[in-house]
Amino acid sequence: MYNFPVKLPLRLDWSEMDMFGHINNVSYFKYIQASRVNYWEAIALIKIFEEDKIGPILLSTSCQFMKPLHYPGNITIQASIEFIKNTSFGIYHQVLNQDNEVAAEAHDVIVIYDFNKNEKALFPERFKKAVSELEGRTF
C-alpha cells in the first residue's frame, strides 16, 4: 500500500487540450516528469548530484490513462517509491483530478548513474535513508 508522501498540485492549462476537448496524453507525461523531479527534490537527490555527480537517469516510464482531464481544472500528482534495487528504483505516480479521482497511473524506472565514471552506480545508502524517512517504511 502506498502512502504517497510527495504531492504536487498543478493547474491545467488551456494549451494542453487537444482537438477532442480534453487534455492531450503528452501533457500527462509532463505532469509525471514534474512529479518525478519533485520527488527527487524531496529526497535531496538533486543536491547530491550537484555535489558528487551521482544521480538519476530515467530508464523507462509508462502511463495508464483512466479518466480524461478537462480545462479548466486542477490536478494533484502524488508519488511513492515502488522498489529499490542495487542500481535502480521505481516511482509510482497517481494523477488525481479535481474530484480526487485517479485519472492516470504511471510507473518510472530510474537508474542511479555515476556521471564521473559514466556508468551505473549502486543505490547510495543516504538516498535509501532519505527515502525510508520520507516514506515511513524501510527499504
C-alpha atoms as a PDB file:
ATOM      1  CA  MET A   1       0.000   0.000   0.000  1.00  0.00           C
ATOM      2  CA  TYR A   2       1.299   3.438  -0.889  1.00  0.00           C
ATOM      3  CA  ASN A   3       1.052   6.445   1.402  1.00  0.00           C
ATOM      4  CA  PHE A   4       2.130   8.995  -1.257  1.00  0.00           C
ATOM      5  CA  PRO A   5       4.326  11.289   0.835  1.00  0.00           C
ATOM      6  CA  VAL A   6       5.052  13.631  -2.082  1.00  0.00           C
ATOM      7  CA  LYS A   7       2.211  15.554  -3.733  1.00  0.00           C
ATOM      8  CA  LEU A   8       2.340  18.197  -6.424  1.00  0.00           C
ATOM      9  CA  PRO A   9      -0.708  20.362  -7.216  1.00  0.00           C
ATOM     10  CA  LEU A  10      -0.876  21.734 -10.766  1.00  0.00           C
ATOM     11  CA  ARG A  11      -3.289  23.885 -12.738  1.00  0.00           C
ATOM     12  CA  LEU A  12      -4.343  22.574 -16.135  1.00  0.00           C
ATOM     13  CA  ASP A  13      -3.650  24.948 -18.981  1.00  0.00           C
ATOM     14  CA  TRP A  14      -5.908  25.636 -21.953  1.00  0.00           C
ATOM     15  CA  SER A  15      -2.997  24.993 -24.331  1.00  0.00           C
ATOM     16  CA  GLU A  16      -2.793  21.371 -23.139  1.00  0.00           C
ATOM     17  CA  MET A  17      -6.156  20.453 -24.697  1.00  0.00           C
ATOM     18  CA  ASP A  18      -6.382  18.524 -27.923  1.00  0.00           C
ATOM     19  CA  MET A  19      -8.949  18.793 -30.694  1.00  0.00           C
ATOM     20  CA  PHE A  20     -11.294  16.465 -28.775  1.00  0.00           C
ATOM     21  CA  GLY A  21     -11.596  18.912 -25.870  1.00  0.00           C
ATOM     22  CA  HIS A  22      -9.615  17.009 -23.251  1.00  0.00           C
ATOM     23  CA  ILE A  23      -6.050  17.247 -22.019  1.00  0.00           C
ATOM     24  CA  ASN A  24      -3.675  15.615 -24.508  1.00  0.00           C
ATOM     25  CA  ASN A  25      -1.871  12.449 -23.427  1.00  0.00           C
ATOM     26  CA  VAL A  26       1.532  14.109 -23.940  1.00  0.00           C
ATOM     27  CA  SER A  27       0.703  16.523 -21.120  1.00  0.00           C
ATOM     28  CA  TYR A  28       0.326  13.641 -18.665  1.00  0.00           C
ATOM     29  CA  PHE A  29       3.971  12.774 -19.249  1.00  0.00           C
ATOM     30  CA  LYS A  30       4.928  16.367 -18.451  1.00  0.00           C
ATOM     31  CA  TYR A  31       2.959  16.117 -15.201  1.00  0.00           C
ATOM     32  CA  ILE A  32       4.685  12.832 -14.366  1.00  0.00           C
ATOM     33  CA  GLN A  33       8.069  14.387 -15.098  1.00  0.00           C
ATOM     34  CA  ALA A  34       7.251  17.270 -12.759  1.00  0.00           C
ATOM     35  CA  SER A  35       6.211  14.765 -10.087  1.00  0.00           C
ATOM     36  CA  ARG A  36       9.398  12.739 -10.575  1.00  0.00           C
ATOM     37  CA  VAL A  37      11.611  15.805 -10.147  1.00  0.00           C
ATOM     38  CA  ASN A  38       9.511  16.930  -7.187  1.00  0.00           C
ATOM     39  CA  TYR A  39      10.192  13.554  -5.521  1.00  0.00           C
ATOM     40  CA  TRP A  40      13.913  13.805  -6.304  1.00  0.00           C
ATOM     41  CA  GLU A  41      13.965  17.232  -4.637  1.00  0.00           C
ATOM     42  CA  ALA A  42      12.163  15.832  -1.577  1.00  0.00           C
ATOM     43  CA  ILE A  43      14.992  13.309  -1.003  1.00  0.00           C
ATOM     44  CA  ALA A  44      17.769  15.804  -1.906  1.00  0.00           C
ATOM     45  CA  LEU A  45      18.784  13.743  -4.945  1.00  0.00           C
ATOM     46  CA  ILE A  46      19.476  16.885  -6.957  1.00  0.00           C
ATOM     47  CA  LYS A  47      21.673  18.364  -4.230  1.00  0.00           C
ATOM     48  CA  ILE A  48      23.686  15.146  -4.013  1.00  0.00           C
ATOM     49  CA  PHE A  49      24.078  15.132  -7.800  1.00  0.00           C
ATOM     50  CA  GLU A  50      25.453  18.664  -7.681  1.00  0.00           C
ATOM     51  CA  GLU A  51      27.969  17.594  -5.008  1.00  0.00           C
ATOM     52  CA  ASP A  52      29.040  14.124  -6.198  1.00  0.00           C
ATOM     53  CA  LYS A  53      27.810  13.883  -9.824  1.00  0.00           C
ATOM     54  CA  ILE A  54      25.880  10.718  -8.923  1.00  0.00           C
ATOM     55  CA  GLY A  55      22.259  10.972  -9.924  1.00  0.00           C
ATOM     56  CA  PRO A  56      19.243   9.637 -11.755  1.00  0.00           C
ATOM     57  CA  ILE A  57      18.695   8.613 -15.362  1.00  0.00           C
ATOM     58  CA  LEU A  58      15.198   7.667 -16.449  1.00  0.00           C
ATOM     59  CA  LEU A  59      15.221   4.140 -17.869  1.00  0.00           C
ATOM     60  CA  SER A  60      11.506   3.852 -18.616  1.00  0.00           C
ATOM     61  CA  THR A  61       8.151   5.389 -17.918  1.00  0.00           C
ATOM     62  CA  SER A  62       4.633   4.207 -18.645  1.00  0.00           C
ATOM     63  CA  CYS A  63       1.183   5.626 -18.118  1.00  0.00           C
ATOM     64  CA  GLN A  64      -2.259   4.066 -17.882  1.00  0.00           C
ATOM     65  CA  PHE A  65      -4.969   6.625 -18.713  1.00  0.00           C
ATOM     66  CA  MET A  66      -8.170   6.088 -16.723  1.00  0.00           C
ATOM     67  CA  LYS A  67     -10.246   9.271 -16.893  1.00  0.00           C
ATOM     68  CA  PRO A  68      -9.940  12.284 -19.161  1.00  0.00           C
ATOM     69  CA  LEU A  69      -8.884  15.638 -17.774  1.00  0.00           C
ATOM     70  CA  HIS A  70     -10.501  18.860 -18.941  1.00  0.00           C
ATOM     71  CA  TYR A  71      -9.648  22.535 -18.850  1.00  0.00           C
ATOM     72  CA  PRO A  72     -10.280  24.441 -16.637  1.00  0.00           C
ATOM     73  CA  GLY A  73      -9.179  22.333 -13.732  1.00  0.00           C
ATOM     74  CA  ASN A  74      -6.612  21.430 -11.180  1.00  0.00           C
ATOM     75  CA  ILE A  75      -4.835  18.161 -10.579  1.00  0.00           C
ATOM     76  CA  THR A  76      -2.585  16.631  -7.966  1.00  0.00           C
ATOM     77  CA  ILE A  77       0.157  14.178  -8.810  1.00  0.00           C
ATOM     78  CA  GLN A  78       1.161  12.032  -5.885  1.00  0.00           C
ATOM     79  CA  ALA A  79       4.239   9.843  -5.815  1.00  0.00           C
ATOM     80  CA  SER A  80       5.676   6.972  -3.828  1.00  0.00           C
ATOM     81  CA  ILE A  81       8.626   4.625  -4.224  1.00  0.00           C
ATOM     82  CA  GLU A  82       7.679   1.214  -5.610  1.00  0.00           C
ATOM     83  CA  PHE A  83      11.032  -0.529  -5.164  1.00  0.00           C
ATOM     84  CA  ILE A  84      14.724  -0.012  -4.606  1.00  0.00           C
ATOM     85  CA  LYS A  85      17.213  -2.423  -6.180  1.00  0.00           C
ATOM     86  CA  ASN A  86      21.016  -2.354  -6.311  1.00  0.00           C
ATOM     87  CA  THR A  87      21.313   0.297  -9.046  1.00  0.00           C
ATOM     88  CA  SER A  88      17.711   1.324  -9.747  1.00  0.00           C
ATOM     89  CA  PHE A  89      14.441   2.327  -8.171  1.00  0.00           C
ATOM     90  CA  GLY A  90      10.835   2.785  -9.212  1.00  0.00           C
ATOM     91  CA  ILE A  91       8.377   5.586  -8.601  1.00  0.00           C
ATOM     92  CA  TYR A  92       4.623   5.070  -8.766  1.00  0.00           C
ATOM     93  CA  HIS A  93       2.561   8.167  -9.599  1.00  0.00           C
ATOM     94  CA  GLN A  94      -1.155   8.809  -9.458  1.00  0.00           C
ATOM     95  CA  VAL A  95      -2.670  11.768 -11.301  1.00  0.00           C
ATOM     96  CA  LEU A  96      -5.774  12.867  -9.404  1.00  0.00           C
ATOM     97  CA  ASN A  97      -8.428  15.078 -10.958  1.00  0.00           C
ATOM     98  CA  GLN A  98     -10.066  17.911  -9.018  1.00  0.00           C
ATOM     99  CA  ASP A  99     -12.644  15.431  -7.645  1.00  0.00           C
ATOM    100  CA  ASN A 100      -9.754  13.393  -6.188  1.00  0.00           C
ATOM    101  CA  GLU A 101     -10.382  10.559  -8.664  1.00  0.00           C
ATOM    102  CA  VAL A 102      -7.459   8.694 -10.241  1.00  0.00           C
ATOM    103  CA  ALA A 103      -7.208   9.950 -13.815  1.00  0.00           C
ATOM    104  CA  ALA A 104      -3.947   8.125 -14.580  1.00  0.00           C
ATOM    105  CA  GLU A 105      -1.321   5.881 -13.036  1.00  0.00           C
ATOM    106  CA  ALA A 106       2.316   5.935 -14.064  1.00  0.00           C
ATOM    107  CA  HIS A 107       5.414   3.894 -13.317  1.00  0.00           C
ATOM    108  CA  ASP A 108       9.013   5.087 -13.659  1.00  0.00           C
ATOM    109  CA  VAL A 109      12.185   3.020 -13.512  1.00  0.00           C
ATOM    110  CA  ILE A 110      15.221   5.122 -12.719  1.00  0.00           C
ATOM    111  CA  VAL A 111      18.881   4.090 -12.744  1.00  0.00           C
ATOM    112  CA  ILE A 112      21.467   5.629 -10.439  1.00  0.00           C
ATOM    113  CA  TYR A 113      24.336   6.828 -12.581  1.00  0.00           C
ATOM    114  CA  ASP A 114      27.855   7.980 -11.767  1.00  0.00           C
ATOM    115  CA  PHE A 115      28.428  10.820 -14.213  1.00  0.00           C
ATOM    116  CA  ASN A 116      32.131  10.942 -13.270  1.00  0.00           C
ATOM    117  CA  LYS A 117      32.715   7.343 -14.358  1.00  0.00           C
ATOM    118  CA  ASN A 118      29.930   7.198 -16.982  1.00  0.00           C
ATOM    119  CA  GLU A 119      28.476   4.022 -15.529  1.00  0.00           C
ATOM    120  CA  LYS A 120      25.678   2.760 -13.315  1.00  0.00           C
ATOM    121  CA  ALA A 121      26.242   3.175  -9.604  1.00  0.00           C
ATOM    122  CA  LEU A 122      24.954   1.404  -6.527  1.00  0.00           C
ATOM    123  CA  PHE A 123      21.929   2.988  -4.905  1.00  0.00           C
ATOM    124  CA  PRO A 124      23.575   5.211  -2.250  1.00  0.00           C
ATOM    125  CA  GLU A 125      22.727   4.477   1.369  1.00  0.00           C
ATOM    126  CA  ARG A 126      21.991   8.150   2.044  1.00  0.00           C
ATOM    127  CA  PHE A 127      19.318   8.066  -0.714  1.00  0.00           C
ATOM    128  CA  LYS A 128      17.865   4.921   0.820  1.00  0.00           C
ATOM    129  CA  LYS A 129      17.816   6.560   4.268  1.00  0.00           C
ATOM    130  CA  ALA A 130      16.119   9.694   2.899  1.00  0.00           C
ATOM    131  CA  VAL A 131      13.502   7.597   1.063  1.00  0.00           C
ATOM    132  CA  SER A 132      12.835   5.458   4.156  1.00  0.00           C
ATOM    133  CA  GLU A 133      12.357   8.562   6.319  1.00  0.00           C
ATOM    134  CA  LEU A 134      10.077  10.230   3.767  1.00  0.00           C
ATOM    135  CA  GLU A 135       8.044   7.091   3.060  1.00  0.00           C
ATOM    136  CA  GLY A 136       7.893   5.942   6.695  1.00  0.00           C
ATOM    137  CA  ARG A 137       8.995   2.436   5.730  1.00  0.00           C
ATOM    138  CA  THR A 138      12.253   0.534   5.376  1.00  0.00           C
ATOM    139  CA  PHE A 139      13.815  -0.345   2.034  1.00  0.00           C
END
